[in-house]
C-alpha atoms as a PDB file:
ATOM      1  CA  MET A   1      70.135  18.439  17.312  1.00  0.00           C
ATOM      2  CA  PRO A   2      70.186  14.623  17.738  1.00  0.00           C
ATOM      3  CA  ASN A   3      68.466  12.088  15.499  1.00  0.00           C
ATOM      4  CA  ARG A   4      68.808  14.049  12.290  1.00  0.00           C
ATOM      5  CA  VAL A   5      67.914  12.238   9.077  1.00  0.00           C
ATOM      6  CA  ALA A   6      70.577  12.776   6.433  1.00  0.00           C
ATOM      7  CA  LEU A   7      69.358  13.532   2.922  1.00  0.00           C
ATOM      8  CA  GLY A   8      72.559  12.241   1.322  1.00  0.00           C
ATOM      9  CA  HIS A   9      73.513  15.553  -0.326  1.00  0.00           C
ATOM     10  CA  ALA A  10      76.703  16.744   1.400  1.00  0.00           C
ATOM     11  CA  GLY A  11      76.077  20.474   1.020  1.00  0.00           C
ATOM     12  CA  ALA A  12      72.466  20.392   2.173  1.00  0.00           C
ATOM     13  CA  ASP A  13      73.217  18.064   5.093  1.00  0.00           C
ATOM     14  CA  ALA A  14      76.028  20.364   6.236  1.00  0.00           C
ATOM     15  CA  MET A  15      73.667  23.369   6.302  1.00  0.00           C
ATOM     16  CA  LEU A  16      71.089  21.273   8.160  1.00  0.00           C
ATOM     17  CA  ARG A  17      73.661  20.120  10.738  1.00  0.00           C
ATOM     18  CA  GLY A  18      73.379  16.530   9.665  1.00  0.00           C
ATOM     19  CA  GLY A  19      69.980  16.397   7.997  1.00  0.00           C
ATOM     20  CA  LEU A  20      66.290  17.065   8.558  1.00  0.00           C
ATOM     21  CA  ALA A  21      64.787  16.952  12.035  1.00  0.00           C
ATOM     22  CA  PRO A  22      62.141  14.225  12.377  1.00  0.00           C
ATOM     23  CA  ALA A  23      58.951  14.747  14.392  1.00  0.00           C
ATOM     24  CA  ALA A  24      58.762  18.294  13.036  1.00  0.00           C
ATOM     25  CA  LEU A  25      57.076  20.290  10.264  1.00  0.00           C
ATOM     26  CA  HIS A  26      58.812  20.895   6.933  1.00  0.00           C
ATOM     27  CA  GLU A  27      57.388  22.862   3.987  1.00  0.00           C
ATOM     28  CA  VAL A  28      57.988  22.588   0.239  1.00  0.00           C
ATOM     29  CA  PHE A  29      56.760  25.334  -2.097  1.00  0.00           C
ATOM     30  CA  ALA A  30      56.651  25.384  -5.898  1.00  0.00           C
ATOM     31  CA  ALA A  31      55.094  27.362  -8.718  1.00  0.00           C
ATOM     32  CA  GLY A  32      52.083  25.796 -10.386  1.00  0.00           C
ATOM     33  CA  HIS A  33      54.008  24.560 -13.430  1.00  0.00           C
ATOM     34  CA  GLN A  34      56.626  23.013 -11.133  1.00  0.00           C
ATOM     35  CA  GLY A  35      54.137  20.767  -9.344  1.00  0.00           C
ATOM     36  CA  GLY A  36      55.623  17.575 -10.756  1.00  0.00           C
ATOM     37  CA  ALA A  37      59.130  18.476  -9.591  1.00  0.00           C
ATOM     38  CA  ALA A  38      57.882  19.422  -6.126  1.00  0.00           C
ATOM     39  CA  THR A  39      55.931  16.168  -5.853  1.00  0.00           C
ATOM     40  CA  GLY A  40      59.041  14.170  -6.689  1.00  0.00           C
ATOM     41  CA  PHE A  41      61.139  16.153  -4.232  1.00  0.00           C
ATOM     42  CA  ILE A  42      58.756  15.773  -1.307  1.00  0.00           C
ATOM     43  CA  ALA A  43      58.354  12.076  -2.130  1.00  0.00           C
ATOM     44  CA  GLY A  44      62.108  11.811  -1.721  1.00  0.00           C
ATOM     45  CA  LEU A  45      61.976  13.621   1.634  1.00  0.00           C
ATOM     46  CA  ALA A  46      59.155  11.344   2.770  1.00  0.00           C
ATOM     47  CA  GLY A  47      61.120   8.286   1.728  1.00  0.00           C
ATOM     48  CA  ARG A  48      64.109   9.403   3.796  1.00  0.00           C
ATOM     49  CA  LEU A  49      62.021  10.349   6.825  1.00  0.00           C
ATOM     50  CA  SER A  50      59.535   7.493   6.906  1.00  0.00           C
ATOM     51  CA  ALA A  51      62.215   4.821   7.479  1.00  0.00           C
ATOM     52  CA  ARG A  52      60.206   2.030   5.817  1.00  0.00           C
ATOM     53  CA  LYS A  53      57.143   2.848   7.870  1.00  0.00           C
ATOM     54  CA  PRO A  54      53.725   3.576   6.322  1.00  0.00           C
ATOM     55  CA  LEU A  55      53.262   7.001   4.771  1.00  0.00           C
ATOM     56  CA  VAL A  56      49.956   8.892   4.573  1.00  0.00           C
ATOM     57  CA  TRP A  57      49.572  11.399   1.724  1.00  0.00           C
ATOM     58  CA  VAL A  58      46.597  13.769   2.073  1.00  0.00           C
ATOM     59  CA  ARG A  59      45.717  15.578  -1.167  1.00  0.00           C
ATOM     60  CA  GLN A  60      43.210  18.307  -1.754  1.00  0.00           C
ATOM     61  CA  ASP A  61      40.818  17.371  -4.567  1.00  0.00           C
ATOM     62  CA  PHE A  62      41.926  20.421  -6.523  1.00  0.00           C
ATOM     63  CA  SER A  63      45.478  19.022  -6.636  1.00  0.00           C
ATOM     64  CA  ASP A  64      44.175  15.940  -8.422  1.00  0.00           C
ATOM     65  CA  ARG A  65      42.453  18.110 -10.991  1.00  0.00           C
ATOM     66  CA  GLU A  66      45.482  20.325 -11.584  1.00  0.00           C
ATOM     67  CA  ASN A  67      48.360  17.829 -11.323  1.00  0.00           C
ATOM     68  CA  GLY A  68      46.681  14.491 -11.848  1.00  0.00           C
ATOM     69  CA  ALA A  69      46.605  11.544  -9.471  1.00  0.00           C
ATOM     70  CA  LEU A  70      49.711  10.207  -7.801  1.00  0.00           C
ATOM     71  CA  SER A  71      51.309   7.480  -9.887  1.00  0.00           C
ATOM     72  CA  MET A  72      52.172   4.359  -7.932  1.00  0.00           C
ATOM     73  CA  ARG A  73      54.398   3.279 -10.813  1.00  0.00           C
ATOM     74  CA  GLY A  74      56.168   6.632 -10.642  1.00  0.00           C
ATOM     75  CA  LEU A  75      56.717   6.368  -6.888  1.00  0.00           C
ATOM     76  CA  ALA A  76      58.055   2.854  -7.330  1.00  0.00           C
ATOM     77  CA  GLY A  77      60.415   4.226  -9.967  1.00  0.00           C
ATOM     78  CA  LEU A  78      61.735   6.641  -7.348  1.00  0.00           C
ATOM     79  CA  GLY A  79      62.524   3.676  -5.126  1.00  0.00           C
ATOM     80  CA  LEU A  80      59.552   4.066  -2.782  1.00  0.00           C
ATOM     81  CA  ASP A  81      57.273   1.180  -1.858  1.00  0.00           C
ATOM     82  CA  PRO A  82      53.671   1.927  -2.946  1.00  0.00           C
ATOM     83  CA  ARG A  83      52.459  -0.772  -0.552  1.00  0.00           C
ATOM     84  CA  LEU A  84      53.455   1.517   2.328  1.00  0.00           C
ATOM     85  CA  LEU A  85      51.519   4.492   0.959  1.00  0.00           C
ATOM     86  CA  VAL A  86      47.968   5.427   1.981  1.00  0.00           C
ATOM     87  CA  THR A  87      46.420   8.260  -0.046  1.00  0.00           C
ATOM     88  CA  VAL A  88      43.578  10.391   1.300  1.00  0.00           C
ATOM     89  CA  ARG A  89      41.563  12.738  -0.893  1.00  0.00           C
ATOM     90  CA  ALA A  90      40.213  15.783   0.910  1.00  0.00           C
ATOM     91  CA  ALA A  91      37.312  17.797  -0.466  1.00  0.00           C
ATOM     92  CA  ASP A  92      38.790  21.095   0.732  1.00  0.00           C
ATOM     93  CA  VAL A  93      41.612  22.588   2.792  1.00  0.00           C
ATOM     94  CA  ASP A  94      39.761  22.304   6.109  1.00  0.00           C
ATOM     95  CA  SER A  95      39.087  18.598   5.700  1.00  0.00           C
ATOM     96  CA  GLY A  96      42.672  18.107   4.541  1.00  0.00           C
ATOM     97  CA  LEU A  97      43.995  19.750   7.690  1.00  0.00           C
ATOM     98  CA  ARG A  98      41.776  17.566   9.870  1.00  0.00           C
ATOM     99  CA  ALA A  99      42.858  14.413   8.047  1.00  0.00           C
ATOM    100  CA  ALA A 100      46.540  15.330   8.359  1.00  0.00           C
ATOM    101  CA  ALA A 101      46.189  16.105  12.076  1.00  0.00           C
ATOM    102  CA  ASP A 102      44.408  12.789  12.664  1.00  0.00           C
ATOM    103  CA  ALA A 103      47.103  10.899  10.753  1.00  0.00           C
ATOM    104  CA  LEU A 104      49.881  12.618  12.709  1.00  0.00           C
ATOM    105  CA  ALA A 105      48.383  11.235  15.913  1.00  0.00           C
ATOM    106  CA  CYS A 106      49.206   7.675  14.754  1.00  0.00           C
ATOM    107  CA  ASP A 107      52.721   6.900  15.923  1.00  0.00           C
ATOM    108  CA  ALA A 108      52.931   3.821  13.675  1.00  0.00           C
ATOM    109  CA  LEU A 109      53.441   6.087  10.651  1.00  0.00           C
ATOM    110  CA  GLY A 110      56.746   7.382   9.381  1.00  0.00           C
ATOM    111  CA  ALA A 111      55.511  10.632   7.844  1.00  0.00           C
ATOM    112  CA  VAL A 112      52.386  12.496   6.748  1.00  0.00           C
ATOM    113  CA  VAL A 113      52.270  14.625   3.599  1.00  0.00           C
ATOM    114  CA  LEU A 114      49.620  17.340   3.269  1.00  0.00           C
ATOM    115  CA  GLU A 115      49.337  18.657  -0.300  1.00  0.00           C
ATOM    116  CA  VAL A 116      47.365  21.842  -0.882  1.00  0.00           C
ATOM    117  CA  TRP A 117      46.990  23.898  -4.047  1.00  0.00           C
ATOM    118  CA  GLY A 118      46.862  27.698  -4.011  1.00  0.00           C
ATOM    119  CA  GLN A 119      46.968  30.394  -1.383  1.00  0.00           C
ATOM    120  CA  ALA A 120      44.854  28.738   1.306  1.00  0.00           C
ATOM    121  CA  ARG A 121      44.134  31.148   4.154  1.00  0.00           C
ATOM    122  CA  GLN A 122      43.468  28.222   6.501  1.00  0.00           C
ATOM    123  CA  LEU A 123      47.145  27.244   6.449  1.00  0.00           C
ATOM    124  CA  ASP A 124      48.185  30.077   8.745  1.00  0.00           C
ATOM    125  CA  LEU A 125      50.515  30.280  11.725  1.00  0.00           C
ATOM    126  CA  VAL A 126      47.933  28.707  14.044  1.00  0.00           C
ATOM    127  CA  ALA A 127      47.376  25.724  11.722  1.00  0.00           C
ATOM    128  CA  SER A 128      51.116  25.133  11.320  1.00  0.00           C
ATOM    129  CA  ARG A 129      51.559  25.240  15.094  1.00  0.00           C
ATOM    130  CA  LYS A 130      48.891  22.567  15.512  1.00  0.00           C
ATOM    131  CA  LEU A 131      50.632  20.338  12.957  1.00  0.00           C
ATOM    132  CA  THR A 132      53.987  20.913  14.672  1.00  0.00           C
ATOM    133  CA  LEU A 133      52.615  19.999  18.099  1.00  0.00           C
ATOM    134  CA  ALA A 134      50.964  16.871  16.688  1.00  0.00           C
ATOM    135  CA  ALA A 135      54.234  15.824  15.044  1.00  0.00           C
ATOM    136  CA  GLN A 136      56.200  16.387  18.240  1.00  0.00           C
ATOM    137  CA  ALA A 137      53.689  14.418  20.307  1.00  0.00           C
ATOM    138  CA  SER A 138      53.696  11.322  18.082  1.00  0.00           C
ATOM    139  CA  GLY A 139      57.171  11.428  16.592  1.00  0.00           C
ATOM    140  CA  VAL A 140      55.725  11.436  13.051  1.00  0.00           C
ATOM    141  CA  THR A 141      57.159  13.971  10.608  1.00  0.00           C
ATOM    142  CA  ALA A 142      54.776  16.412   8.910  1.00  0.00           C
ATOM    143  CA  LEU A 143      55.532  17.487   5.331  1.00  0.00           C
ATOM    144  CA  VAL A 144      53.408  20.220   3.756  1.00  0.00           C
ATOM    145  CA  LEU A 145      53.475  20.609  -0.026  1.00  0.00           C
ATOM    146  CA  ARG A 146      52.246  23.995  -1.219  1.00  0.00           C
ATOM    147  CA  ILE A 147      51.858  24.467  -4.975  1.00  0.00           C
ATOM    148  CA  ALA A 148      51.019  27.853  -6.522  1.00  0.00           C
ATOM    149  CA  ALA A 149      51.237  29.495  -3.101  1.00  0.00           C
ATOM    150  CA  THR A 150      53.337  32.221  -1.489  1.00  0.00           C
ATOM    151  CA  PRO A 151      55.142  31.389   1.775  1.00  0.00           C
ATOM    152  CA  ILE A 152      53.762  32.983   4.935  1.00  0.00           C
ATOM    153  CA  PRO A 153      54.976  32.801   8.571  1.00  0.00           C
ATOM    154  CA  SER A 154      54.774  29.316  10.054  1.00  0.00           C
ATOM    155  CA  THR A 155      56.394  27.067  12.662  1.00  0.00           C
ATOM    156  CA  ALA A 156      58.162  24.949  10.026  1.00  0.00           C
ATOM    157  CA  GLU A 157      61.688  23.756  10.798  1.00  0.00           C
ATOM    158  CA  THR A 158      62.628  24.136   7.148  1.00  0.00           C
ATOM    159  CA  ARG A 159      61.070  25.651   4.054  1.00  0.00           C
ATOM    160  CA  TRP A 160      62.132  24.739   0.533  1.00  0.00           C
ATOM    161  CA  ILE A 161      61.360  26.228  -2.873  1.00  0.00           C
ATOM    162  CA  VAL A 162      61.761  23.593  -5.568  1.00  0.00           C
ATOM    163  CA  ARG A 163      62.085  23.687  -9.337  1.00  0.00           C
ATOM    164  CA  ALA A 164      63.069  21.110 -11.916  1.00  0.00           C
ATOM    165  CA  ALA A 165      66.794  21.341 -12.655  1.00  0.00           C
ATOM    166  CA  HIS A 166      68.205  21.371 -16.167  1.00  0.00           C
ATOM    167  CA  SER A 167      69.472  18.099 -17.546  1.00  0.00           C
ATOM    168  CA  PRO A 168      73.230  17.899 -18.136  1.00  0.00           C
ATOM    169  CA  PRO A 169      74.456  18.694 -21.661  1.00  0.00           C
ATOM    170  CA  GLY A 170      74.403  15.872 -24.161  1.00  0.00           C
ATOM    171  CA  ASN A 171      72.123  14.216 -26.657  1.00  0.00           C
ATOM    172  CA  ALA A 172      68.728  12.835 -25.769  1.00  0.00           C
ATOM    173  CA  ALA A 173      69.996   9.261 -25.554  1.00  0.00           C
ATOM    174  CA  SER A 174      72.733  10.067 -23.030  1.00  0.00           C
ATOM    175  CA  VAL A 175      71.004  12.375 -20.553  1.00  0.00           C
ATOM    176  CA  TRP A 176      68.218  10.089 -19.364  1.00  0.00           C
ATOM    177  CA  GLY A 177      69.213   9.521 -15.781  1.00  0.00           C
ATOM    178  CA  ALA A 178      68.442  10.422 -12.198  1.00  0.00           C
ATOM    179  CA  PRO A 179      65.826  13.126 -11.401  1.00  0.00           C
ATOM    180  CA  ARG A 180      67.404  16.505 -10.647  1.00  0.00           C
ATOM    181  CA  PHE A 181      65.958  19.300  -8.534  1.00  0.00           C
ATOM    182  CA  GLU A 182      66.946  22.894  -7.995  1.00  0.00           C
ATOM    183  CA  ALA A 183      66.248  23.099  -4.264  1.00  0.00           C
ATOM    184  CA  GLU A 184      66.481  26.377  -2.376  1.00  0.00           C
ATOM    185  CA  LEU A 185      66.414  26.212   1.413  1.00  0.00           C
ATOM    186  CA  VAL A 186      64.874  29.567   2.349  1.00  0.00           C
ATOM    187  CA  ARG A 187      64.143  28.831   6.018  1.00  0.00           C
ATOM    188  CA  ASN A 188      66.274  26.879   8.452  1.00  0.00           C
ATOM    189  CA  ARG A 189      65.528  27.376  12.127  1.00  0.00           C
ATOM    190  CA  HIS A 190      68.901  26.023  13.236  1.00  0.00           C
ATOM    191  CA  GLY A 191      71.361  27.299  10.681  1.00  0.00           C
ATOM    192  CA  PRO A 192      72.043  29.079   7.392  1.00  0.00           C
ATOM    193  CA  VAL A 193      70.212  28.646   4.124  1.00  0.00           C
ATOM    194  CA  GLY A 194      71.430  27.674   0.678  1.00  0.00           C
ATOM    195  CA  ARG A 195      70.648  26.553  -2.815  1.00  0.00           C
ATOM    196  CA  TRP A 196      71.740  23.360  -4.561  1.00  0.00           C
ATOM    197  CA  ILE A 197      71.203  21.050  -7.486  1.00  0.00           C
ATOM    198  CA  MET A 198      70.108  17.824  -5.820  1.00  0.00           C
ATOM    199  CA  GLU A 199      70.004  14.541  -7.685  1.00  0.00           C
ATOM    200  CA  TRP A 200      67.771  11.722  -6.479  1.00  0.00           C
ATOM    201  CA  LYS A 201      69.378   8.284  -6.522  1.00  0.00           C
ATOM    202  CA  CYS A 202      66.506   5.839  -6.991  1.00  0.00           C
ATOM    203  CA  ASP A 203      68.490   2.721  -6.076  1.00  0.00           C
ATOM    204  CA  GLU A 204      69.910   4.200  -2.863  1.00  0.00           C
ATOM    205  CA  CYS A 205      66.738   6.218  -2.084  1.00  0.00           C
ATOM    206  CA  GLN A 206      68.687   9.327  -1.184  1.00  0.00           C
ATOM    207  CA  PHE A 207      69.761  12.664  -2.637  1.00  0.00           C
ATOM    208  CA  SER A 208      73.297  13.344  -3.783  1.00  0.00           C
ATOM    209  CA  GLU A 209      75.530  15.842  -5.522  1.00  0.00           C
ATOM    210  CA  PRO A 210      74.955  15.851  -9.313  1.00  0.00           C
ATOM    211  CA  SER A 211      76.708  12.954 -10.934  1.00  0.00           C
ATOM    212  CA  ALA A 212      79.840  13.704 -12.950  1.00  0.00           C
ATOM    213  CA  TYR A 213      78.694  11.036 -15.421  1.00  0.00           C
ATOM    214  CA  PRO A 214      75.207  11.862 -16.768  1.00  0.00           C
ATOM    215  CA  GLN A 215      74.840   8.511 -18.525  1.00  0.00           C
ATOM    216  CA  PRO A 216      72.704   6.048 -16.555  1.00  0.00           C
ATOM    217  CA  VAL A 217      74.643   3.221 -14.951  1.00  0.00           C
ATOM    218  CA  ALA A 218      72.881  -0.076 -14.260  1.00  0.00           C
ATOM    219  CA  ALA A 219      72.694  -1.092 -10.616  1.00  0.00           C
ATOM    220  CA  THR A 220      74.359  -4.314  -9.485  1.00  0.00           C
ATOM    221  CA  PRO A 221      71.814  -7.178  -9.697  1.00  0.00           C
ATOM    222  CA  ALA A 222      70.668  -7.845  -6.155  1.00  0.00           C
ATOM    223  CA  HIS A 223      70.420 -11.620  -6.647  1.00  0.00           C
ATOM    224  CA  ARG A 224      73.924 -12.122  -8.119  1.00  0.00           C
ATOM    225  CA  PRO A 225      76.250  -9.329  -6.959  1.00  0.00           C
ATOM    226  CA  HIS A 226      79.309 -11.609  -6.944  1.00  0.00           C
ATOM    227  CA  GLN A 227      78.861 -12.364 -10.651  1.00  0.00           C
ATOM    228  CA  ALA A 228      78.525  -8.677 -11.518  1.00  0.00           C
ATOM    229  CA  GLN A 229      81.658  -7.816  -9.538  1.00  0.00           C
ATOM    230  CA  ALA A 230      83.602 -10.648 -11.175  1.00  0.00           C
ATOM    231  CA  ARG A 231      82.661  -9.425 -14.656  1.00  0.00           C
ATOM    232  CA  ALA A 232      83.648  -5.861 -13.733  1.00  0.00           C
ATOM    233  CA  GLY A 233      87.018  -7.088 -12.497  1.00  0.00           C
ATOM    234  CA  HIS A 234      87.565  -9.048 -15.703  1.00  0.00           C
ATOM    235  CA  ARG A 235      86.861  -5.963 -17.828  1.00  0.00           C
ATOM    236  CA  LEU A 236      89.306  -3.858 -15.813  1.00  0.00           C
ATOM    237  CA  ALA A 237      91.991  -6.538 -16.076  1.00  0.00           C
ATOM    238  CA  SER A 238      91.618  -6.797 -19.816  1.00  0.00           C
END
């Protein structure tokens, strides 16, 4: 399929034939205690798919009570721009679905996230078809985050089950680095499925294979890259 959006992780992108399809519906599922990991993962997907356009995140009120409010500082730490994020709190699943459908009709957006907690009967095959048709009509990607829910049939292009991945071995001072996710692709309408450890690179705003060097490496200063490169060259020469 044309116009795929690469995630940056070679194995996942190969299974997805180049990346995720925009203007489609994608689902992310996680157990209740993995809500933080799933939120980080879908934020990464949204960052890749929104292409610097505004992002609308619709959250059921119950998600706020169970997981806490979205942290703008945390999203900025992932490399996303909080100024491009509009959050909508929905009293229940029905109002959340309506808000997400309305947002998907706005073609100025890059993506719409709908976050729902628990096994909501309203999110059935008919509801997913409506979200898919709205995404196709506007070109805006729909991302549905389901926490503490069991997957059921839907029209989603892909479905992921996400958990937090173990940190690499080492002491506490050396393992503080990029967020890692154990991401299992359990539905792929256009190819096989798979399971990977995916590391989120905050500076590049993309996923990658796990780094061979778990120690954090400082990014090159954006305002003086030539100085940083010169110092690196001097160290190598010495």
